[in-house]
Amino acid sequence: MDYIFLLLGSMIVITCFYFIVSPFFNRSGENDSHSEEKGAEMPLEMIYAAVNELEMDFLMKKLTKDDFEAMKTQYHTLAASYLKPEKVQNKNQPKGNVDKADREILKELNKIRKQKGTKG
């Protein structure tokens, strides 16, 4: 009976040791993939959080109006600089596929209208 308690106790200790030590030996590639996806969004979220903190500080009279406006414009220009590459990337996408799809939709609508016009 003592051997069973000894065996169960050692299994619990080994399991706890494994869970404590395993994060230190994980592959770093697994965590990098998640950070790359959120990499572009994190700075914007941090900027907006900083602006929110500025507004709270201004409302609590910790900042003067001039300091608040200067820092707010600085953060807004920083956020705009992060958003600018996204807008440029969206403009570079080919619009031919969209135009082609629109033309096909209009053709189908005209066919349906003609069919309804001949039936009615």
PDB file of N, CA and C in Angstrom:
ATOM      1  N   MET A   1       0.814  -1.181   0.000  1.00  0.00           N
ATOM      2  CA  MET A   1       0.000   0.000   0.000  1.00  0.00           C
ATOM      3  C   MET A   1       0.868   1.259   0.000  1.00  0.00           C
ATOM      4  N   ASP A   2       1.992   1.217   0.701  1.00  0.00           N
ATOM      5  CA  ASP A   2       2.898   2.351   0.726  1.00  0.00           C
ATOM      6  C   ASP A   2       3.500   2.604  -0.650  1.00  0.00           C
ATOM      7  N   TYR A   3       3.692   1.541  -1.424  1.00  0.00           N
ATOM      8  CA  TYR A   3       4.259   1.696  -2.761  1.00  0.00           C
ATOM      9  C   TYR A   3       3.295   2.438  -3.683  1.00  0.00           C
ATOM     10  N   ILE A   4       2.008   2.229  -3.504  1.00  0.00           N
ATOM     11  CA  ILE A   4       1.013   2.915  -4.338  1.00  0.00           C
ATOM     12  C   ILE A   4       1.045   4.417  -4.058  1.00  0.00           C
ATOM     13  N   PHE A   5       1.094   4.801  -2.774  1.00  0.00           N
ATOM     14  CA  PHE A   5       1.154   6.215  -2.427  1.00  0.00           C
ATOM     15  C   PHE A   5       2.466   6.837  -2.895  1.00  0.00           C
ATOM     16  N   LEU A   6       3.537   6.085  -2.807  1.00  0.00           N
ATOM     17  CA  LEU A   6       4.832   6.563  -3.272  1.00  0.00           C
ATOM     18  C   LEU A   6       4.807   6.765  -4.782  1.00  0.00           C
ATOM     19  N   LEU A   7       4.221   5.823  -5.505  1.00  0.00           N
ATOM     20  CA  LEU A   7       4.124   5.904  -6.960  1.00  0.00           C
ATOM     21  C   LEU A   7       3.224   7.071  -7.379  1.00  0.00           C
ATOM     22  N   LEU A   8       2.065   7.212  -6.758  1.00  0.00           N
ATOM     23  CA  LEU A   8       1.154   8.312  -7.086  1.00  0.00           C
ATOM     24  C   LEU A   8       1.773   9.669  -6.739  1.00  0.00           C
ATOM     25  N   GLY A   9       2.426   9.764  -5.611  1.00  0.00           N
ATOM     26  CA  GLY A   9       3.076  11.007  -5.211  1.00  0.00           C
ATOM     27  C   GLY A   9       4.174  11.407  -6.167  1.00  0.00           C
ATOM     28  N   SER A  10       4.980  10.432  -6.591  1.00  0.00           N
ATOM     29  CA  SER A  10       6.058  10.748  -7.527  1.00  0.00           C
ATOM     30  C   SER A  10       5.492  11.145  -8.892  1.00  0.00           C
ATOM     31  N   MET A  11       4.378  10.533  -9.308  1.00  0.00           N
ATOM     32  CA  MET A  11       3.749  10.905 -10.584  1.00  0.00           C
ATOM     33  C   MET A  11       3.232  12.341 -10.523  1.00  0.00           C
ATOM     34  N   ILE A  12       2.656  12.711  -9.393  1.00  0.00           N
ATOM     35  CA  ILE A  12       2.148  14.080  -9.234  1.00  0.00           C
ATOM     36  C   ILE A  12       3.297  15.076  -9.248  1.00  0.00           C
ATOM     37  N   VAL A  13       4.390  14.750  -8.571  1.00  0.00           N
ATOM     38  CA  VAL A  13       5.550  15.643  -8.534  1.00  0.00           C
ATOM     39  C   VAL A  13       6.155  15.785  -9.923  1.00  0.00           C
ATOM     40  N   ILE A  14       6.282  14.692 -10.656  1.00  0.00           N
ATOM     41  CA  ILE A  14       6.844  14.736 -12.010  1.00  0.00           C
ATOM     42  C   ILE A  14       5.943  15.553 -12.934  1.00  0.00           C
ATOM     43  N   THR A  15       4.630  15.369 -12.807  1.00  0.00           N
ATOM     44  CA  THR A  15       3.692  16.128 -13.644  1.00  0.00           C
ATOM     45  C   THR A  15       3.784  17.622 -13.352  1.00  0.00           C
ATOM     46  N   CYS A  16       3.837  17.982 -12.087  1.00  0.00           N
ATOM     47  CA  CYS A  16       3.972  19.393 -11.721  1.00  0.00           C
ATOM     48  C   CYS A  16       5.283  19.969 -12.238  1.00  0.00           C
ATOM     49  N   PHE A  17       6.354  19.221 -12.094  1.00  0.00           N
ATOM     50  CA  PHE A  17       7.655  19.661 -12.589  1.00  0.00           C
ATOM     51  C   PHE A  17       7.610  19.871 -14.097  1.00  0.00           C
ATOM     52  N   TYR A  18       6.949  18.965 -14.810  1.00  0.00           N
ATOM     53  CA  TYR A  18       6.833  19.084 -16.268  1.00  0.00           C
ATOM     54  C   TYR A  18       6.105  20.371 -16.650  1.00  0.00           C
ATOM     55  N   PHE A  19       4.974  20.652 -15.999  1.00  0.00           N
ATOM     56  CA  PHE A  19       4.203  21.844 -16.338  1.00  0.00           C
ATOM     57  C   PHE A  19       4.927  23.131 -15.967  1.00  0.00           C
ATOM     58  N   ILE A  20       5.765  23.080 -14.969  1.00  0.00           N
ATOM     59  CA  ILE A  20       6.518  24.268 -14.581  1.00  0.00           C
ATOM     60  C   ILE A  20       7.675  24.519 -15.539  1.00  0.00           C
ATOM     61  N   VAL A  21       8.357  23.478 -15.966  1.00  0.00           N
ATOM     62  CA  VAL A  21       9.564  23.620 -16.773  1.00  0.00           C
ATOM     63  C   VAL A  21       9.271  23.687 -18.275  1.00  0.00           C
ATOM     64  N   SER A  22       8.200  23.090 -18.743  1.00  0.00           N
ATOM     65  CA  SER A  22       7.944  22.983 -20.186  1.00  0.00           C
ATOM     66  C   SER A  22       7.841  24.323 -20.918  1.00  0.00           C
ATOM     67  N   PRO A  23       7.294  25.400 -20.358  1.00  0.00           N
ATOM     68  CA  PRO A  23       7.258  26.661 -21.114  1.00  0.00           C
ATOM     69  C   PRO A  23       8.637  27.208 -21.462  1.00  0.00           C
ATOM     70  N   PHE A  24       9.638  26.865 -20.670  1.00  0.00           N
ATOM     71  CA  PHE A  24      10.978  27.357 -20.949  1.00  0.00           C
ATOM     72  C   PHE A  24      11.628  26.648 -22.130  1.00  0.00           C
ATOM     73  N   PHE A  25      11.150  25.470 -22.474  1.00  0.00           N
ATOM     74  CA  PHE A  25      11.738  24.708 -23.561  1.00  0.00           C
ATOM     75  C   PHE A  25      10.848  24.645 -24.797  1.00  0.00           C
ATOM     76  N   ASN A  26       9.759  25.404 -24.823  1.00  0.00           N
ATOM     77  CA  ASN A  26       8.898  25.424 -26.005  1.00  0.00           C
ATOM     78  C   ASN A  26       9.624  26.067 -27.169  1.00  0.00           C
ATOM     79  N   ARG A  27       9.192  25.702 -28.350  1.00  0.00           N
ATOM     80  CA  ARG A  27       9.773  26.313 -29.544  1.00  0.00           C
ATOM     81  C   ARG A  27       9.321  27.758 -29.623  1.00  0.00           C
ATOM     82  N   SER A  28      10.233  28.620 -30.006  1.00  0.00           N
ATOM     83  CA  SER A  28       9.877  30.035 -30.107  1.00  0.00           C
ATOM     84  C   SER A  28       9.079  30.305 -31.374  1.00  0.00           C
ATOM     85  N   GLY A  29       9.120  29.439 -32.379  1.00  0.00           N
ATOM     86  CA  GLY A  29       8.385  29.627 -33.626  1.00  0.00           C
ATOM     87  C   GLY A  29       6.890  29.599 -33.448  1.00  0.00           C
ATOM     88  N   GLU A  30       6.404  28.863 -32.479  1.00  0.00           N
ATOM     89  CA  GLU A  30       4.962  28.792 -32.262  1.00  0.00           C
ATOM     90  C   GLU A  30       4.418  30.129 -31.794  1.00  0.00           C
ATOM     91  N   ASN A  31       5.124  30.808 -30.947  1.00  0.00           N
ATOM     92  CA  ASN A  31       4.655  32.088 -30.434  1.00  0.00           C
ATOM     93  C   ASN A  31       4.855  33.204 -31.448  1.00  0.00           C
ATOM     94  N   ASP A  32       5.845  33.088 -32.327  1.00  0.00           N
ATOM     95  CA  ASP A  32       6.112  34.122 -33.308  1.00  0.00           C
ATOM     96  C   ASP A  32       4.994  34.239 -34.326  1.00  0.00           C
ATOM     97  N   SER A  33       4.365  33.127 -34.693  1.00  0.00           N
ATOM     98  CA  SER A  33       3.316  33.189 -35.705  1.00  0.00           C
ATOM     99  C   SER A  33       2.130  34.009 -35.218  1.00  0.00           C
ATOM    100  N   HIS A  34       1.816  33.921 -33.951  1.00  0.00           N
ATOM    101  CA  HIS A  34       0.703  34.704 -33.428  1.00  0.00           C
ATOM    102  C   HIS A  34       1.075  36.178 -33.333  1.00  0.00           C
ATOM    103  N   SER A  35       2.304  36.475 -33.016  1.00  0.00           N
ATOM    104  CA  SER A  35       2.705  37.868 -32.890  1.00  0.00           C
ATOM    105  C   SER A  35       2.797  38.543 -34.249  1.00  0.00           C
ATOM    106  N   GLU A  36       3.115  37.801 -35.319  1.00  0.00           N
ATOM    107  CA  GLU A  36       3.163  38.398 -36.645  1.00  0.00           C
ATOM    108  C   GLU A  36       1.774  38.788 -37.120  1.00  0.00           C
ATOM    109  N   GLU A  37       0.774  37.970 -36.809  1.00  0.00           N
ATOM    110  CA  GLU A  37      -0.581  38.289 -37.219  1.00  0.00           C
ATOM    111  C   GLU A  37      -1.082  39.535 -36.504  1.00  0.00           C
ATOM    112  N   LYS A  38      -0.747  39.678 -35.255  1.00  0.00           N
ATOM    113  CA  LYS A  38      -1.212  40.808 -34.482  1.00  0.00           C
ATOM    114  C   LYS A  38      -0.214  41.955 -34.504  1.00  0.00           C
ATOM    115  N   GLY A  39       0.889  41.788 -35.189  1.00  0.00           N
ATOM    116  CA  GLY A  39       1.935  42.793 -35.175  1.00  0.00           C
ATOM    117  C   GLY A  39       1.478  44.138 -35.685  1.00  0.00           C
ATOM    118  N   ALA A  40       0.688  44.159 -36.748  1.00  0.00           N
ATOM    119  CA  ALA A  40       0.226  45.420 -37.301  1.00  0.00           C
ATOM    120  C   ALA A  40      -0.869  46.037 -36.447  1.00  0.00           C
ATOM    121  N   GLU A  41      -1.645  45.235 -35.784  1.00  0.00           N
ATOM    122  CA  GLU A  41      -2.743  45.747 -34.991  1.00  0.00           C
ATOM    123  C   GLU A  41      -2.290  46.236 -33.613  1.00  0.00           C
ATOM    124  N   MET A  42      -1.276  45.622 -33.066  1.00  0.00           N
ATOM    125  CA  MET A  42      -0.852  45.981 -31.715  1.00  0.00           C
ATOM    126  C   MET A  42      -0.428  47.438 -31.599  1.00  0.00           C
ATOM    127  N   PRO A  43       0.405  47.962 -32.500  1.00  0.00           N
ATOM    128  CA  PRO A  43       0.782  49.367 -32.336  1.00  0.00           C
ATOM    129  C   PRO A  43      -0.428  50.298 -32.386  1.00  0.00           C
ATOM    130  N   LEU A  44      -1.389  50.020 -33.273  1.00  0.00           N
ATOM    131  CA  LEU A  44      -2.572  50.869 -33.341  1.00  0.00           C
ATOM    132  C   LEU A  44      -3.371  50.800 -32.050  1.00  0.00           C
ATOM    133  N   GLU A  45      -3.521  49.605 -31.523  1.00  0.00           N
ATOM    134  CA  GLU A  45      -4.252  49.472 -30.261  1.00  0.00           C
ATOM    135  C   GLU A  45      -3.519  50.196 -29.138  1.00  0.00           C
ATOM    136  N   MET A  46      -2.198  50.112 -29.153  1.00  0.00           N
ATOM    137  CA  MET A  46      -1.420  50.793 -28.120  1.00  0.00           C
ATOM    138  C   MET A  46      -1.528  52.311 -28.275  1.00  0.00           C
ATOM    139  N   ILE A  47      -1.549  52.782 -29.517  1.00  0.00           N
ATOM    140  CA  ILE A  47      -1.675  54.221 -29.757  1.00  0.00           C
ATOM    141  C   ILE A  47      -3.029  54.718 -29.277  1.00  0.00           C
ATOM    142  N   TYR A  48      -4.079  53.981 -29.627  1.00  0.00           N
ATOM    143  CA  TYR A  48      -5.413  54.393 -29.195  1.00  0.00           C
ATOM    144  C   TYR A  48      -5.550  54.325 -27.675  1.00  0.00           C
ATOM    145  N   ALA A  49      -4.916  53.359 -27.067  1.00  0.00           N
ATOM    146  CA  ALA A  49      -4.937  53.270 -25.602  1.00  0.00           C
ATOM    147  C   ALA A  49      -4.214  54.469 -24.989  1.00  0.00           C
ATOM    148  N   ALA A  50      -3.113  54.881 -25.611  1.00  0.00           N
ATOM    149  CA  ALA A  50      -2.371  56.036 -25.107  1.00  0.00           C
ATOM    150  C   ALA A  50      -3.196  57.315 -25.244  1.00  0.00           C
ATOM    151  N   VAL A  51      -3.919  57.444 -26.362  1.00  0.00           N
ATOM    152  CA  VAL A  51      -4.784  58.613 -26.539  1.00  0.00           C
ATOM    153  C   VAL A  51      -5.895  58.606 -25.492  1.00  0.00           C
ATOM    154  N   ASN A  52      -6.431  57.439 -25.228  1.00  0.00           N
ATOM    155  CA  ASN A  52      -7.469  57.325 -24.207  1.00  0.00           C
ATOM    156  C   ASN A  52      -6.927  57.729 -22.836  1.00  0.00           C
ATOM    157  N   GLU A  53      -5.720  57.293 -22.526  1.00  0.00           N
ATOM    158  CA  GLU A  53      -5.087  57.676 -21.256  1.00  0.00           C
ATOM    159  C   GLU A  53      -4.859  59.188 -21.201  1.00  0.00           C
ATOM    160  N   LEU A  54      -4.457  59.766 -22.344  1.00  0.00           N
ATOM    161  CA  LEU A  54      -4.262  61.214 -22.383  1.00  0.00           C
ATOM    162  C   LEU A  54      -5.563  61.948 -22.088  1.00  0.00           C
ATOM    163  N   GLU A  55      -6.639  61.464 -22.693  1.00  0.00           N
ATOM    164  CA  GLU A  55      -7.931  62.106 -22.458  1.00  0.00           C
ATOM    165  C   GLU A  55      -8.340  62.007 -20.988  1.00  0.00           C
ATOM    166  N   MET A  56      -8.087  60.854 -20.399  1.00  0.00           N
ATOM    167  CA  MET A  56      -8.413  60.696 -18.976  1.00  0.00           C
ATOM    168  C   MET A  56      -7.571  61.648 -18.122  1.00  0.00           C
ATOM    169  N   ASP A  57      -6.278  61.756 -18.442  1.00  0.00           N
ATOM    170  CA  ASP A  57      -5.410  62.660 -17.688  1.00  0.00           C
ATOM    171  C   ASP A  57      -5.849  64.110 -17.859  1.00  0.00           C
ATOM    172  N   PHE A  58      -6.271  64.459 -19.077  1.00  0.00           N
ATOM    173  CA  PHE A  58      -6.734  65.823 -19.318  1.00  0.00           C
ATOM    174  C   PHE A  58      -8.022  66.108 -18.544  1.00  0.00           C
ATOM    175  N   LEU A  59      -8.937  65.139 -18.534  1.00  0.00           N
ATOM    176  CA  LEU A  59     -10.192  65.332 -17.808  1.00  0.00           C
ATOM    177  C   LEU A  59      -9.977  65.411 -16.297  1.00  0.00           C
ATOM    178  N   MET A  60      -8.927  64.752 -15.811  1.00  0.00           N
ATOM    179  CA  MET A  60      -8.626  64.807 -14.380  1.00  0.00           C
ATOM    180  C   MET A  60      -7.700  65.979 -14.046  1.00  0.00           C
ATOM    181  N   LYS A  61      -7.478  66.850 -15.035  1.00  0.00           N
ATOM    182  CA  LYS A  61      -6.674  68.070 -14.869  1.00  0.00           C
ATOM    183  C   LYS A  61      -5.213  67.782 -14.538  1.00  0.00           C
ATOM    184  N   LYS A  62      -4.689  66.665 -15.040  1.00  0.00           N
ATOM    185  CA  LYS A  62      -3.271  66.364 -14.848  1.00  0.00           C
ATOM    186  C   LYS A  62      -2.426  66.980 -15.960  1.00  0.00           C
ATOM    187  N   LEU A  63      -3.063  67.280 -17.110  1.00  0.00           N
ATOM    188  CA  LEU A  63      -2.374  67.877 -18.248  1.00  0.00           C
ATOM    189  C   LEU A  63      -3.019  69.209 -18.602  1.00  0.00           C
ATOM    190  N   THR A  64      -2.194  70.114 -19.128  1.00  0.00           N
ATOM    191  CA  THR A  64      -2.759  71.359 -19.635  1.00  0.00           C
ATOM    192  C   THR A  64      -3.347  71.106 -21.020  1.00  0.00           C
ATOM    193  N   LYS A  65      -4.176  72.036 -21.463  1.00  0.00           N
ATOM    194  CA  LYS A  65      -4.833  71.865 -22.762  1.00  0.00           C
ATOM    195  C   LYS A  65      -3.808  71.852 -23.892  1.00  0.00           C
ATOM    196  N   ASP A  66      -2.789  72.696 -23.807  1.00  0.00           N
ATOM    197  CA  ASP A  66      -1.767  72.748 -24.854  1.00  0.00           C
ATOM    198  C   ASP A  66      -0.988  71.440 -24.938  1.00  0.00           C
ATOM    199  N   ASP A  67      -0.595  70.912 -23.792  1.00  0.00           N
ATOM    200  CA  ASP A  67       0.124  69.635 -23.774  1.00  0.00           C
ATOM    201  C   ASP A  67      -0.750  68.509 -24.317  1.00  0.00           C
ATOM    202  N   PHE A  68      -2.014  68.523 -23.911  1.00  0.00           N
ATOM    203  CA  PHE A  68      -2.940  67.489 -24.368  1.00  0.00           C
ATOM    204  C   PHE A  68      -3.093  67.530 -25.882  1.00  0.00           C
ATOM    205  N   GLU A  69      -3.309  68.721 -26.430  1.00  0.00           N
ATOM    206  CA  GLU A  69      -3.495  68.845 -27.882  1.00  0.00           C
ATOM    207  C   GLU A  69      -2.228  68.443 -28.638  1.00  0.00           C
ATOM    208  N   ALA A  70      -1.066  68.837 -28.128  1.00  0.00           N
ATOM    209  CA  ALA A  70       0.190  68.502 -28.800  1.00  0.00           C
ATOM    210  C   ALA A  70       0.423  66.993 -28.807  1.00  0.00           C
ATOM    211  N   MET A  71       0.218  66.369 -27.672  1.00  0.00           N
ATOM    212  CA  MET A  71       0.443  64.922 -27.595  1.00  0.00           C
ATOM    213  C   MET A  71      -0.612  64.158 -28.390  1.00  0.00           C
ATOM    214  N   LYS A  72      -1.832  64.649 -28.395  1.00  0.00           N
ATOM    215  CA  LYS A  72      -2.898  63.980 -29.138  1.00  0.00           C
ATOM    216  C   LYS A  72      -2.624  64.035 -30.636  1.00  0.00           C
ATOM    217  N   THR A  73      -2.202  65.192 -31.140  1.00  0.00           N
ATOM    218  CA  THR A  73      -1.886  65.280 -32.572  1.00  0.00           C
ATOM    219  C   THR A  73      -0.688  64.402 -32.912  1.00  0.00           C
ATOM    220  N   GLN A  74       0.270  64.307 -32.006  1.00  0.00           N
ATOM    221  CA  GLN A  74       1.425  63.445 -32.240  1.00  0.00           C
ATOM    222  C   GLN A  74       0.987  61.987 -32.370  1.00  0.00           C
ATOM    223  N   TYR A  75       0.125  61.538 -31.481  1.00  0.00           N
ATOM    224  CA  TYR A  75      -0.355  60.159 -31.547  1.00  0.00           C
ATOM    225  C   TYR A  75      -1.238  59.927 -32.772  1.00  0.00           C
ATOM    226  N   HIS A  76      -2.021  60.918 -33.146  1.00  0.00           N
ATOM    227  CA  HIS A  76      -2.876  60.752 -34.321  1.00  0.00           C
ATOM    228  C   HIS A  76      -2.049  60.658 -35.600  1.00  0.00           C
ATOM    229  N   THR A  77      -0.988  61.441 -35.702  1.00  0.00           N
ATOM    230  CA  THR A  77      -0.132  61.334 -36.886  1.00  0.00           C
ATOM    231  C   THR A  77       0.599  59.994 -36.907  1.00  0.00           C
ATOM    232  N   LEU A  78       0.962  59.507 -35.739  1.00  0.00           N
ATOM    233  CA  LEU A  78       1.603  58.195 -35.664  1.00  0.00           C
ATOM    234  C   LEU A  78       0.633  57.100 -36.107  1.00  0.00           C
ATOM    235  N   ALA A  79      -0.612  57.189 -35.671  1.00  0.00           N
ATOM    236  CA  ALA A  79      -1.621  56.208 -36.084  1.00  0.00           C
ATOM    237  C   ALA A  79      -1.879  56.306 -37.582  1.00  0.00           C
ATOM    238  N   ALA A  80      -1.890  57.518 -38.112  1.00  0.00           N
ATOM    239  CA  ALA A  80      -2.106  57.696 -39.548  1.00  0.00           C
ATOM    240  C   ALA A  80      -0.955  57.102 -40.346  1.00  0.00           C
ATOM    241  N   SER A  81       0.254  57.208 -39.821  1.00  0.00           N
ATOM    242  CA  SER A  81       1.397  56.625 -40.534  1.00  0.00           C
ATOM    243  C   SER A  81       1.315  55.103 -40.565  1.00  0.00           C
ATOM    244  N   TYR A  82       0.713  54.497 -39.537  1.00  0.00           N
ATOM    245  CA  TYR A  82       0.519  53.046 -39.551  1.00  0.00           C
ATOM    246  C   TYR A  82      -0.589  52.653 -40.518  1.00  0.00           C
ATOM    247  N   LEU A  83      -1.598  53.491 -40.652  1.00  0.00           N
ATOM    248  CA  LEU A  83      -2.722  53.166 -41.527  1.00  0.00           C
ATOM    249  C   LEU A  83      -2.422  53.440 -42.993  1.00  0.00           C
ATOM    250  N   LYS A  84      -1.505  54.337 -43.276  1.00  0.00           N
ATOM    251  CA  LYS A  84      -1.218  54.719 -44.654  1.00  0.00           C
ATOM    252  C   LYS A  84      -0.767  53.541 -45.521  1.00  0.00           C
ATOM    253  N   PRO A  85       0.155  52.678 -45.086  1.00  0.00           N
ATOM    254  CA  PRO A  85       0.544  51.539 -45.937  1.00  0.00           C
ATOM    255  C   PRO A  85      -0.628  50.606 -46.244  1.00  0.00           C
ATOM    256  N   GLU A  86      -1.577  50.471 -45.341  1.00  0.00           N
ATOM    257  CA  GLU A  86      -2.736  49.622 -45.598  1.00  0.00           C
ATOM    258  C   GLU A  86      -3.582  50.199 -46.719  1.00  0.00           C
ATOM    259  N   LYS A  87      -3.758  51.525 -46.738  1.00  0.00           N
ATOM    260  CA  LYS A  87      -4.550  52.156 -47.787  1.00  0.00           C
ATOM    261  C   LYS A  87      -3.854  52.030 -49.136  1.00  0.00           C
ATOM    262  N   VAL A  88      -2.537  52.210 -49.154  1.00  0.00           N
ATOM    263  CA  VAL A  88      -1.787  52.086 -50.399  1.00  0.00           C
ATOM    264  C   VAL A  88      -1.870  50.658 -50.917  1.00  0.00           C
ATOM    265  N   GLN A  89      -1.801  49.691 -50.034  1.00  0.00           N
ATOM    266  CA  GLN A  89      -1.872  48.295 -50.432  1.00  0.00           C
ATOM    267  C   GLN A  89      -3.246  47.984 -51.015  1.00  0.00           C
ATOM    268  N   ASN A  90      -4.312  48.529 -50.445  1.00  0.00           N
ATOM    269  CA  ASN A  90      -5.653  48.296 -50.962  1.00  0.00           C
ATOM    270  C   ASN A  90      -5.839  48.936 -52.331  1.00  0.00           C
ATOM    271  N   LYS A  91      -5.188  50.068 -52.588  1.00  0.00           N
ATOM    272  CA  LYS A  91      -5.300  50.724 -53.890  1.00  0.00           C
ATOM    273  C   LYS A  91      -4.576  49.937 -54.968  1.00  0.00           C
ATOM    274  N   ASN A  92      -3.529  49.217 -54.609  1.00  0.00           N
ATOM    275  CA  ASN A  92      -2.752  48.472 -55.584  1.00  0.00           C
ATOM    276  C   ASN A  92      -3.422  47.187 -56.032  1.00  0.00           C
ATOM    277  N   GLN A  93      -4.487  46.774 -55.376  1.00  0.00           N
ATOM    278  CA  GLN A  93      -5.155  45.543 -55.770  1.00  0.00           C
ATOM    279  C   GLN A  93      -5.849  45.761 -57.109  1.00  0.00           C
ATOM    280  N   PRO A  94      -5.836  44.748 -57.976  1.00  0.00           N
ATOM    281  CA  PRO A  94      -6.456  44.908 -59.286  1.00  0.00           C
ATOM    282  C   PRO A  94      -7.965  45.068 -59.164  1.00  0.00           C
ATOM    283  N   LYS A  95      -8.490  46.059 -59.905  1.00  0.00           N
ATOM    284  CA  LYS A  95      -9.925  46.307 -59.876  1.00  0.00           C
ATOM    285  C   LYS A  95     -10.626  45.641 -61.050  1.00  0.00           C
ATOM    286  N   GLY A  96      -9.881  45.013 -61.920  1.00  0.00           N
ATOM    287  CA  GLY A  96     -10.468  44.362 -63.081  1.00  0.00           C
ATOM    288  C   GLY A  96     -11.449  43.276 -62.693  1.00  0.00           C
ATOM    289  N   ASN A  97     -11.129  42.512 -61.688  1.00  0.00           N
ATOM    290  CA  ASN A  97     -12.022  41.440 -61.247  1.00  0.00           C
ATOM    291  C   ASN A  97     -13.325  42.002 -60.697  1.00  0.00           C
ATOM    292  N   VAL A  98     -13.250  43.120 -60.005  1.00  0.00           N
ATOM    293  CA  VAL A  98     -14.449  43.732 -59.447  1.00  0.00           C
ATOM    294  C   VAL A  98     -15.320  44.266 -60.573  1.00  0.00           C
ATOM    295  N   ASP A  99     -14.706  44.937 -61.565  1.00  0.00           N
ATOM    296  CA  ASP A  99     -15.462  45.462 -62.695  1.00  0.00           C
ATOM    297  C   ASP A  99     -16.113  44.334 -63.482  1.00  0.00           C
ATOM    298  N   LYS A 100     -15.391  43.259 -63.658  1.00  0.00           N
ATOM    299  CA  LYS A 100     -15.926  42.113 -64.389  1.00  0.00           C
ATOM    300  C   LYS A 100     -17.120  41.519 -63.651  1.00  0.00           C
ATOM    301  N   ALA A 101     -17.017  41.394 -62.354  1.00  0.00           N
ATOM    302  CA  ALA A 101     -18.119  40.859 -61.556  1.00  0.00           C
ATOM    303  C   ALA A 101     -19.326  41.792 -61.621  1.00  0.00           C
ATOM    304  N   ASP A 102     -19.082  43.106 -61.570  1.00  0.00           N
ATOM    305  CA  ASP A 102     -20.188  44.061 -61.670  1.00  0.00           C
ATOM    306  C   ASP A 102     -20.890  43.952 -63.017  1.00  0.00           C
ATOM    307  N   ARG A 103     -20.111  43.812 -64.082  1.00  0.00           N
ATOM    308  CA  ARG A 103     -20.714  43.666 -65.416  1.00  0.00           C
ATOM    309  C   ARG A 103     -21.555  42.403 -65.506  1.00  0.00           C
ATOM    310  N   GLU A 104     -21.060  41.312 -64.933  1.00  0.00           N
ATOM    311  CA  GLU A 104     -21.824  40.060 -64.960  1.00  0.00           C
ATOM    312  C   GLU A 104     -23.123  40.187 -64.172  1.00  0.00           C
ATOM    313  N   ILE A 105     -23.069  40.861 -63.050  1.00  0.00           N
ATOM    314  CA  ILE A 105     -24.278  41.063 -62.245  1.00  0.00           C
ATOM    315  C   ILE A 105     -25.289  41.900 -63.012  1.00  0.00           C
ATOM    316  N   LEU A 106     -24.820  42.966 -63.664  1.00  0.00           N
ATOM    317  CA  LEU A 106     -25.728  43.806 -64.441  1.00  0.00           C
ATOM    318  C   LEU A 106     -26.348  43.038 -65.604  1.00  0.00           C
ATOM    319  N   LYS A 107     -25.569  42.184 -66.257  1.00  0.00           N
ATOM    320  CA  LYS A 107     -26.111  41.363 -67.344  1.00  0.00           C
ATOM    321  C   LYS A 107     -27.214  40.451 -66.834  1.00  0.00           C
ATOM    322  N   GLU A 108     -26.983  39.807 -65.709  1.00  0.00           N
ATOM    323  CA  GLU A 108     -27.989  38.908 -65.140  1.00  0.00           C
ATOM    324  C   GLU A 108     -29.246  39.678 -64.737  1.00  0.00           C
ATOM    325  N   LEU A 109     -29.074  40.864 -64.173  1.00  0.00           N
ATOM    326  CA  LEU A 109     -30.232  41.674 -63.798  1.00  0.00           C
ATOM    327  C   LEU A 109     -31.036  42.088 -65.022  1.00  0.00           C
ATOM    328  N   ASN A 110     -30.334  42.449 -66.098  1.00  0.00           N
ATOM    329  CA  ASN A 110     -31.037  42.814 -67.336  1.00  0.00           C
ATOM    330  C   ASN A 110     -31.801  41.629 -67.901  1.00  0.00           C
ATOM    331  N   LYS A 111     -31.222  40.430 -67.836  1.00  0.00           N
ATOM    332  CA  LYS A 111     -31.918  39.230 -68.311  1.00  0.00           C
ATOM    333  C   LYS A 111     -33.185  38.993 -67.506  1.00  0.00           C
ATOM    334  N   ILE A 112     -33.075  39.139 -66.188  1.00  0.00           N
ATOM    335  CA  ILE A 112     -34.237  38.922 -65.316  1.00  0.00           C
ATOM    336  C   ILE A 112     -35.315  39.964 -65.603  1.00  0.00           C
ATOM    337  N   ARG A 113     -34.915  41.219 -65.817  1.00  0.00           N
ATOM    338  CA  ARG A 113     -35.885  42.278 -66.123  1.00  0.00           C
ATOM    339  C   ARG A 113     -36.592  42.010 -67.444  1.00  0.00           C
ATOM    340  N   LYS A 114     -35.823  41.541 -68.444  1.00  0.00           N
ATOM    341  CA  LYS A 114     -36.428  41.243 -69.744  1.00  0.00           C
ATOM    342  C   LYS A 114     -37.411  40.091 -69.623  1.00  0.00           C
ATOM    343  N   GLN A 115     -37.061  39.072 -68.821  1.00  0.00           N
ATOM    344  CA  GLN A 115     -37.965  37.936 -68.633  1.00  0.00           C
ATOM    345  C   GLN A 115     -39.244  38.381 -67.936  1.00  0.00           C
ATOM    346  N   LYS A 116     -39.136  39.239 -66.947  1.00  0.00           N
ATOM    347  CA  LYS A 116     -40.322  39.736 -66.247  1.00  0.00           C
ATOM    348  C   LYS A 116     -41.151  40.629 -67.161  1.00  0.00           C
ATOM    349  N   GLY A 117     -40.473  41.393 -68.028  1.00  0.00           N
ATOM    350  CA  GLY A 117     -41.187  42.278 -68.955  1.00  0.00           C
ATOM    351  C   GLY A 117     -41.980  41.509 -69.993  1.00  0.00           C
ATOM    352  N   THR A 118     -41.462  40.363 -70.457  1.00  0.00           N
ATOM    353  CA  THR A 118     -42.176  39.566 -71.462  1.00  0.00           C
ATOM    354  C   THR A 118     -43.312  38.785 -70.839  1.00  0.00           C
ATOM    355  N   LYS A 119     -43.202  38.422 -69.578  1.00  0.00           N
ATOM    356  CA  LYS A 119     -44.257  37.659 -68.904  1.00  0.00           C
ATOM    357  C   LYS A 119     -45.407  38.575 -68.486  1.00  0.00           C
ATOM    358  N   GLY A 120     -45.140  39.828 -68.144  1.00  0.00           N
ATOM    359  CA  GLY A 120     -46.151  40.718 -67.590  1.00  0.00           C
ATOM    360  C   GLY A 120     -46.823  41.522 -68.588  1.00  0.00           C
TER     361      GLY A 120
END
